[in-house]
Amino acid sequence: MRLALPWLSRHIRDWAIITATMCVACAAYLSFPLFGTVPMLAAIAFGLGLGLGATQPSTMSLIYSTAPAGRGGEAVGLRSVVLNASSTVLPLAFGGVAAIGMLPVFWSMAGVIACGGWFANRQRAAERRSSRKSLC
């Protein structure tokens, strides 16, 4: 995925890439508990890896392009804080949910990612509207 990303980023805007990868990740997390065979789980994990592999560089690109001048480091630091906080809080929360089974864990993660995809889609639409206004 990282080899194809330069070509993708020249042809597709960052918000569209992030929206698509969020959809792929959401579909993967929704389907994980529905399958039990190793080849199918490996295929789902591969698709999830492709999607998530495209998200990180696009996110970094958006951070640098939208941060105020001279404040890119602060924006990246804030991203690191959010990632570290979610790496601490989400396993604890999902560990509590796992007491009732794994299906709610995967589906609640899919719900969290769907919310992120919804936000990315809103940002993509706002970017599209603003680029239309600048053409007029």
N, C-alpha and C. Protein backbone atom coordinates (compact mmCIF):
# COMPACT_ATOMS: atom_id res chain seq x y z
N MET A 1 0.82 -1.19 0.00
CA MET A 1 0.00 0.00 0.00
C MET A 1 0.87 1.25 0.00
N ARG A 2 1.94 1.24 0.76
CA ARG A 2 2.79 2.43 0.83
C ARG A 2 3.47 2.71 -0.51
N LEU A 3 3.68 1.68 -1.32
CA LEU A 3 4.25 1.90 -2.65
C LEU A 3 3.25 2.56 -3.59
N ALA A 4 1.98 2.23 -3.44
CA ALA A 4 0.94 2.79 -4.30
C ALA A 4 0.44 4.15 -3.81
N LEU A 5 0.77 4.51 -2.59
CA LEU A 5 0.24 5.74 -2.01
C LEU A 5 0.67 7.02 -2.74
N PRO A 6 1.90 7.16 -3.21
CA PRO A 6 2.23 8.39 -3.96
C PRO A 6 1.34 8.57 -5.19
N TRP A 7 1.08 7.49 -5.90
CA TRP A 7 0.20 7.57 -7.07
C TRP A 7 -1.22 7.93 -6.63
N LEU A 8 -1.71 7.28 -5.59
CA LEU A 8 -3.06 7.56 -5.09
C LEU A 8 -3.20 9.02 -4.64
N SER A 9 -2.20 9.52 -3.93
CA SER A 9 -2.31 10.89 -3.41
C SER A 9 -2.25 11.94 -4.52
N ARG A 10 -1.67 11.59 -5.67
CA ARG A 10 -1.69 12.53 -6.79
C ARG A 10 -3.05 12.56 -7.47
N HIS A 11 -3.81 11.47 -7.38
CA HIS A 11 -5.08 11.36 -8.10
C HIS A 11 -6.31 11.50 -7.20
N ILE A 12 -6.14 11.29 -5.91
CA ILE A 12 -7.26 11.32 -4.97
C ILE A 12 -6.88 12.23 -3.80
N ARG A 13 -7.79 13.07 -3.37
CA ARG A 13 -7.51 13.97 -2.25
C ARG A 13 -7.39 13.19 -0.94
N ASP A 14 -6.67 13.80 0.01
CA ASP A 14 -6.40 13.12 1.29
C ASP A 14 -7.67 12.74 2.04
N TRP A 15 -8.66 13.65 2.09
CA TRP A 15 -9.89 13.32 2.82
C TRP A 15 -10.63 12.17 2.17
N ALA A 16 -10.58 12.06 0.86
CA ALA A 16 -11.24 10.93 0.18
C ALA A 16 -10.52 9.62 0.51
N ILE A 17 -9.20 9.66 0.58
CA ILE A 17 -8.45 8.45 0.95
C ILE A 17 -8.80 8.03 2.37
N ILE A 18 -8.84 9.00 3.27
CA ILE A 18 -9.15 8.68 4.67
C ILE A 18 -10.58 8.15 4.80
N THR A 19 -11.52 8.74 4.09
CA THR A 19 -12.90 8.26 4.12
C THR A 19 -12.98 6.82 3.62
N ALA A 20 -12.31 6.53 2.51
CA ALA A 20 -12.34 5.17 1.96
C ALA A 20 -11.68 4.17 2.91
N THR A 21 -10.56 4.55 3.51
CA THR A 21 -9.89 3.61 4.41
C THR A 21 -10.69 3.38 5.68
N MET A 22 -11.42 4.39 6.13
CA MET A 22 -12.29 4.21 7.29
C MET A 22 -13.42 3.23 6.95
N CYS A 23 -13.95 3.31 5.75
CA CYS A 23 -14.99 2.36 5.32
C CYS A 23 -14.44 0.94 5.27
N VAL A 24 -13.23 0.79 4.74
CA VAL A 24 -12.61 -0.53 4.67
C VAL A 24 -12.38 -1.08 6.08
N ALA A 25 -11.85 -0.25 6.98
CA ALA A 25 -11.60 -0.69 8.35
C ALA A 25 -12.90 -1.04 9.07
N CYS A 26 -13.93 -0.25 8.87
CA CYS A 26 -15.23 -0.52 9.49
C CYS A 26 -15.78 -1.86 9.01
N ALA A 27 -15.71 -2.09 7.70
CA ALA A 27 -16.18 -3.37 7.15
C ALA A 27 -15.38 -4.54 7.70
N ALA A 28 -14.08 -4.35 7.86
CA ALA A 28 -13.24 -5.43 8.40
C ALA A 28 -13.63 -5.76 9.83
N TYR A 29 -13.78 -4.73 10.67
CA TYR A 29 -14.15 -4.98 12.06
C TYR A 29 -15.57 -5.56 12.19
N LEU A 30 -16.46 -5.18 11.29
CA LEU A 30 -17.80 -5.77 11.32
C LEU A 30 -17.77 -7.25 10.94
N SER A 31 -16.87 -7.62 10.02
CA SER A 31 -16.86 -8.99 9.52
C SER A 31 -15.97 -9.94 10.32
N PHE A 32 -15.04 -9.45 11.10
CA PHE A 32 -14.15 -10.34 11.87
C PHE A 32 -14.92 -11.39 12.69
N PRO A 33 -15.91 -11.00 13.50
CA PRO A 33 -16.56 -12.03 14.32
C PRO A 33 -17.47 -12.97 13.54
N LEU A 34 -17.72 -12.68 12.27
CA LEU A 34 -18.63 -13.51 11.49
C LEU A 34 -17.93 -14.70 10.84
N PHE A 35 -16.61 -14.71 10.86
CA PHE A 35 -15.85 -15.77 10.21
C PHE A 35 -14.94 -16.45 11.22
N GLY A 36 -14.68 -17.72 11.00
CA GLY A 36 -13.85 -18.47 11.94
C GLY A 36 -12.71 -19.23 11.29
N THR A 37 -12.64 -19.21 9.96
CA THR A 37 -11.56 -19.94 9.30
C THR A 37 -10.33 -19.04 9.16
N VAL A 38 -9.18 -19.66 9.27
CA VAL A 38 -7.93 -18.90 9.22
C VAL A 38 -7.75 -18.17 7.88
N PRO A 39 -8.00 -18.81 6.73
CA PRO A 39 -7.81 -18.06 5.48
C PRO A 39 -8.71 -16.82 5.37
N MET A 40 -9.94 -16.93 5.84
CA MET A 40 -10.84 -15.79 5.76
C MET A 40 -10.42 -14.68 6.73
N LEU A 41 -10.02 -15.07 7.94
CA LEU A 41 -9.54 -14.08 8.90
C LEU A 41 -8.27 -13.41 8.40
N ALA A 42 -7.40 -14.18 7.74
CA ALA A 42 -6.17 -13.61 7.18
C ALA A 42 -6.50 -12.62 6.06
N ALA A 43 -7.48 -12.95 5.23
CA ALA A 43 -7.88 -12.05 4.15
C ALA A 43 -8.47 -10.75 4.71
N ILE A 44 -9.28 -10.86 5.75
CA ILE A 44 -9.85 -9.67 6.37
C ILE A 44 -8.75 -8.82 7.00
N ALA A 45 -7.81 -9.46 7.69
CA ALA A 45 -6.70 -8.74 8.31
C ALA A 45 -5.82 -8.06 7.26
N PHE A 46 -5.63 -8.72 6.11
CA PHE A 46 -4.86 -8.13 5.02
C PHE A 46 -5.55 -6.87 4.50
N GLY A 47 -6.86 -6.94 4.29
CA GLY A 47 -7.62 -5.78 3.84
C GLY A 47 -7.57 -4.65 4.85
N LEU A 48 -7.66 -5.01 6.14
CA LEU A 48 -7.56 -4.00 7.20
C LEU A 48 -6.19 -3.34 7.18
N GLY A 49 -5.15 -4.13 6.98
CA GLY A 49 -3.79 -3.58 6.91
C GLY A 49 -3.61 -2.65 5.73
N LEU A 50 -4.20 -3.00 4.59
CA LEU A 50 -4.12 -2.11 3.43
C LEU A 50 -4.79 -0.77 3.72
N GLY A 51 -5.96 -0.85 4.31
CA GLY A 51 -6.69 0.38 4.62
C GLY A 51 -5.96 1.24 5.63
N LEU A 52 -5.50 0.64 6.72
CA LEU A 52 -4.84 1.42 7.75
C LEU A 52 -3.46 1.89 7.30
N GLY A 53 -2.82 1.16 6.40
CA GLY A 53 -1.52 1.57 5.88
C GLY A 53 -1.60 2.84 5.05
N ALA A 54 -2.75 3.10 4.46
CA ALA A 54 -2.92 4.31 3.65
C ALA A 54 -3.34 5.50 4.49
N THR A 55 -3.88 5.25 5.66
CA THR A 55 -4.42 6.34 6.48
C THR A 55 -3.34 7.20 7.12
N GLN A 56 -2.32 6.57 7.68
CA GLN A 56 -1.32 7.32 8.45
C GLN A 56 -0.60 8.38 7.61
N PRO A 57 -0.08 8.07 6.42
CA PRO A 57 0.57 9.13 5.65
C PRO A 57 -0.39 10.25 5.22
N SER A 58 -1.62 9.88 4.89
CA SER A 58 -2.61 10.90 4.52
C SER A 58 -2.94 11.80 5.70
N THR A 59 -3.03 11.21 6.88
CA THR A 59 -3.28 11.99 8.09
C THR A 59 -2.14 12.96 8.36
N MET A 60 -0.92 12.49 8.23
CA MET A 60 0.23 13.37 8.46
C MET A 60 0.25 14.51 7.44
N SER A 61 -0.08 14.21 6.21
CA SER A 61 -0.13 15.24 5.17
C SER A 61 -1.18 16.30 5.51
N LEU A 62 -2.35 15.86 5.95
CA LEU A 62 -3.40 16.81 6.33
C LEU A 62 -3.01 17.63 7.55
N ILE A 63 -2.33 17.02 8.49
CA ILE A 63 -1.90 17.76 9.68
C ILE A 63 -0.98 18.90 9.28
N TYR A 64 0.00 18.60 8.44
CA TYR A 64 0.95 19.64 8.04
C TYR A 64 0.30 20.70 7.15
N SER A 65 -0.64 20.30 6.31
CA SER A 65 -1.24 21.29 5.40
C SER A 65 -2.28 22.17 6.08
N THR A 66 -2.91 21.69 7.15
CA THR A 66 -3.96 22.47 7.80
C THR A 66 -3.50 23.17 9.08
N ALA A 67 -2.34 22.80 9.61
CA ALA A 67 -1.85 23.45 10.82
C ALA A 67 -1.43 24.88 10.50
N PRO A 68 -1.62 25.78 11.45
CA PRO A 68 -1.15 27.16 11.22
C PRO A 68 0.36 27.18 10.97
N ALA A 69 0.81 28.20 10.28
CA ALA A 69 2.23 28.31 9.93
C ALA A 69 3.10 28.25 11.19
N GLY A 70 4.09 27.39 11.15
CA GLY A 70 5.02 27.25 12.26
C GLY A 70 4.52 26.41 13.42
N ARG A 71 3.34 25.81 13.28
CA ARG A 71 2.77 25.04 14.39
C ARG A 71 2.54 23.59 14.01
N GLY A 72 3.21 23.12 12.97
CA GLY A 72 3.07 21.73 12.55
C GLY A 72 3.52 20.75 13.61
N GLY A 73 4.60 21.09 14.33
CA GLY A 73 5.09 20.22 15.40
C GLY A 73 4.07 20.06 16.52
N GLU A 74 3.40 21.15 16.86
CA GLU A 74 2.36 21.08 17.89
C GLU A 74 1.21 20.19 17.44
N ALA A 75 0.84 20.30 16.17
CA ALA A 75 -0.26 19.49 15.65
C ALA A 75 0.12 18.00 15.66
N VAL A 76 1.35 17.69 15.30
CA VAL A 76 1.80 16.29 15.34
C VAL A 76 1.86 15.81 16.79
N GLY A 77 2.28 16.68 17.70
CA GLY A 77 2.30 16.31 19.12
C GLY A 77 0.91 16.02 19.65
N LEU A 78 -0.06 16.83 19.24
CA LEU A 78 -1.45 16.59 19.65
C LEU A 78 -1.95 15.26 19.10
N ARG A 79 -1.59 14.95 17.87
CA ARG A 79 -1.94 13.66 17.29
C ARG A 79 -1.35 12.52 18.12
N SER A 80 -0.10 12.67 18.55
CA SER A 80 0.54 11.64 19.37
C SER A 80 -0.16 11.47 20.70
N VAL A 81 -0.60 12.57 21.31
CA VAL A 81 -1.32 12.50 22.58
C VAL A 81 -2.63 11.74 22.39
N VAL A 82 -3.36 12.05 21.33
CA VAL A 82 -4.64 11.36 21.08
C VAL A 82 -4.40 9.87 20.83
N LEU A 83 -3.40 9.54 20.04
CA LEU A 83 -3.11 8.12 19.77
C LEU A 83 -2.70 7.38 21.04
N ASN A 84 -1.84 7.99 21.85
CA ASN A 84 -1.42 7.33 23.09
C ASN A 84 -2.57 7.20 24.08
N ALA A 85 -3.42 8.21 24.15
CA ALA A 85 -4.58 8.12 25.04
C ALA A 85 -5.53 7.02 24.59
N SER A 86 -5.76 6.94 23.28
CA SER A 86 -6.65 5.88 22.80
C SER A 86 -6.01 4.51 22.96
N SER A 87 -4.69 4.43 22.88
CA SER A 87 -4.01 3.14 23.11
C SER A 87 -4.11 2.71 24.56
N THR A 88 -4.38 3.63 25.45
CA THR A 88 -4.55 3.30 26.86
C THR A 88 -6.01 3.04 27.20
N VAL A 89 -6.89 3.92 26.75
CA VAL A 89 -8.29 3.86 27.15
C VAL A 89 -9.07 2.76 26.42
N LEU A 90 -8.88 2.66 25.11
CA LEU A 90 -9.69 1.69 24.34
C LEU A 90 -9.46 0.24 24.77
N PRO A 91 -8.22 -0.23 24.98
CA PRO A 91 -8.09 -1.62 25.46
C PRO A 91 -8.76 -1.86 26.80
N LEU A 92 -8.70 -0.88 27.69
CA LEU A 92 -9.38 -1.05 28.98
C LEU A 92 -10.89 -1.13 28.80
N ALA A 93 -11.43 -0.24 27.96
CA ALA A 93 -12.87 -0.25 27.73
C ALA A 93 -13.31 -1.53 27.04
N PHE A 94 -12.57 -1.93 25.99
CA PHE A 94 -12.95 -3.14 25.27
C PHE A 94 -12.70 -4.39 26.09
N GLY A 95 -11.76 -4.34 27.03
CA GLY A 95 -11.55 -5.47 27.94
C GLY A 95 -12.77 -5.69 28.81
N GLY A 96 -13.39 -4.61 29.24
CA GLY A 96 -14.63 -4.73 30.02
C GLY A 96 -15.77 -5.26 29.19
N VAL A 97 -15.84 -4.82 27.94
CA VAL A 97 -16.90 -5.27 27.04
C VAL A 97 -16.70 -6.75 26.67
N ALA A 98 -15.44 -7.19 26.62
CA ALA A 98 -15.14 -8.57 26.22
C ALA A 98 -15.71 -9.59 27.19
N ALA A 99 -16.09 -9.15 28.39
CA ALA A 99 -16.69 -10.06 29.35
C ALA A 99 -17.99 -10.64 28.82
N ILE A 100 -18.66 -9.94 27.91
CA ILE A 100 -19.92 -10.46 27.35
C ILE A 100 -19.71 -11.08 25.97
N GLY A 101 -18.47 -11.09 25.48
CA GLY A 101 -18.19 -11.73 24.19
C GLY A 101 -17.37 -10.82 23.29
N MET A 102 -16.83 -11.41 22.23
CA MET A 102 -15.98 -10.65 21.32
C MET A 102 -16.76 -9.89 20.26
N LEU A 103 -17.95 -10.34 19.92
CA LEU A 103 -18.73 -9.66 18.90
C LEU A 103 -18.97 -8.19 19.26
N PRO A 104 -19.36 -7.86 20.49
CA PRO A 104 -19.54 -6.45 20.83
C PRO A 104 -18.24 -5.64 20.75
N VAL A 105 -17.11 -6.28 21.02
CA VAL A 105 -15.83 -5.57 20.94
C VAL A 105 -15.56 -5.15 19.50
N PHE A 106 -15.66 -6.09 18.58
CA PHE A 106 -15.40 -5.78 17.18
C PHE A 106 -16.43 -4.80 16.63
N TRP A 107 -17.68 -4.99 16.98
CA TRP A 107 -18.71 -4.12 16.43
C TRP A 107 -18.67 -2.72 17.06
N SER A 108 -18.28 -2.62 18.31
CA SER A 108 -18.13 -1.28 18.89
C SER A 108 -16.92 -0.57 18.28
N MET A 109 -15.86 -1.31 17.97
CA MET A 109 -14.72 -0.70 17.28
C MET A 109 -15.14 -0.25 15.89
N ALA A 110 -15.95 -1.05 15.22
CA ALA A 110 -16.48 -0.64 13.91
C ALA A 110 -17.31 0.63 14.04
N GLY A 111 -18.06 0.74 15.12
CA GLY A 111 -18.85 1.95 15.35
C GLY A 111 -17.98 3.18 15.56
N VAL A 112 -16.90 3.02 16.31
CA VAL A 112 -15.96 4.13 16.53
C VAL A 112 -15.35 4.55 15.20
N ILE A 113 -14.95 3.58 14.40
CA ILE A 113 -14.35 3.89 13.09
C ILE A 113 -15.38 4.49 12.15
N ALA A 114 -16.63 4.03 12.22
CA ALA A 114 -17.68 4.61 11.38
C ALA A 114 -17.89 6.08 11.73
N CYS A 115 -17.81 6.42 13.01
CA CYS A 115 -17.91 7.84 13.39
C CYS A 115 -16.75 8.64 12.80
N GLY A 116 -15.55 8.07 12.82
CA GLY A 116 -14.41 8.74 12.19
C GLY A 116 -14.60 8.88 10.69
N GLY A 117 -15.15 7.85 10.05
CA GLY A 117 -15.43 7.92 8.62
C GLY A 117 -16.48 8.96 8.30
N TRP A 118 -17.48 9.10 9.16
CA TRP A 118 -18.51 10.12 8.97
C TRP A 118 -17.88 11.51 9.03
N PHE A 119 -17.01 11.72 10.02
CA PHE A 119 -16.33 13.01 10.15
C PHE A 119 -15.44 13.27 8.93
N ALA A 120 -14.69 12.27 8.49
CA ALA A 120 -13.82 12.44 7.32
C ALA A 120 -14.64 12.76 6.08
N ASN A 121 -15.79 12.13 5.95
CA ASN A 121 -16.65 12.41 4.80
C ASN A 121 -17.17 13.84 4.85
N ARG A 122 -17.52 14.33 6.03
CA ARG A 122 -17.95 15.73 6.17
C ARG A 122 -16.82 16.68 5.79
N GLN A 123 -15.61 16.37 6.20
CA GLN A 123 -14.47 17.22 5.87
C GLN A 123 -14.20 17.19 4.36
N ARG A 124 -14.35 16.01 3.76
CA ARG A 124 -14.15 15.87 2.32
C ARG A 124 -15.17 16.72 1.57
N ALA A 125 -16.42 16.70 2.02
CA ALA A 125 -17.46 17.50 1.37
C ALA A 125 -17.20 18.99 1.56
N ALA A 126 -16.74 19.38 2.74
CA ALA A 126 -16.43 20.80 2.99
C ALA A 126 -15.26 21.24 2.12
N GLU A 127 -14.27 20.38 1.95
CA GLU A 127 -13.13 20.71 1.09
C GLU A 127 -13.59 20.87 -0.36
N ARG A 128 -14.49 20.00 -0.79
CA ARG A 128 -15.02 20.08 -2.15
C ARG A 128 -15.79 21.38 -2.36
N ARG A 129 -16.62 21.76 -1.37
CA ARG A 129 -17.37 23.02 -1.48
C ARG A 129 -16.43 24.22 -1.53
N SER A 130 -15.40 24.21 -0.70
CA SER A 130 -14.49 25.35 -0.68
C SER A 130 -13.68 25.44 -1.96
N SER A 131 -13.35 24.31 -2.58
CA SER A 131 -12.60 24.36 -3.84
C SER A 131 -13.51 24.85 -4.97
N ARG A 132 -14.80 24.58 -4.91
CA ARG A 132 -15.73 25.10 -5.91
C ARG A 132 -15.87 26.61 -5.79
N LYS A 133 -15.92 27.11 -4.55
CA LYS A 133 -16.05 28.54 -4.33
C LYS A 133 -14.80 29.28 -4.84
N SER A 134 -13.64 28.66 -4.68
CA SER A 134 -12.42 29.33 -5.11
C SER A 134 -12.31 29.36 -6.63
N LEU A 135 -13.03 28.49 -7.32
CA LEU A 135 -13.01 28.50 -8.77
C LEU A 135 -13.89 29.60 -9.35
N CYS A 136 -14.89 30.04 -8.58
CA CYS A 136 -15.83 31.06 -9.07
C CYS A 136 -15.27 32.45 -9.02
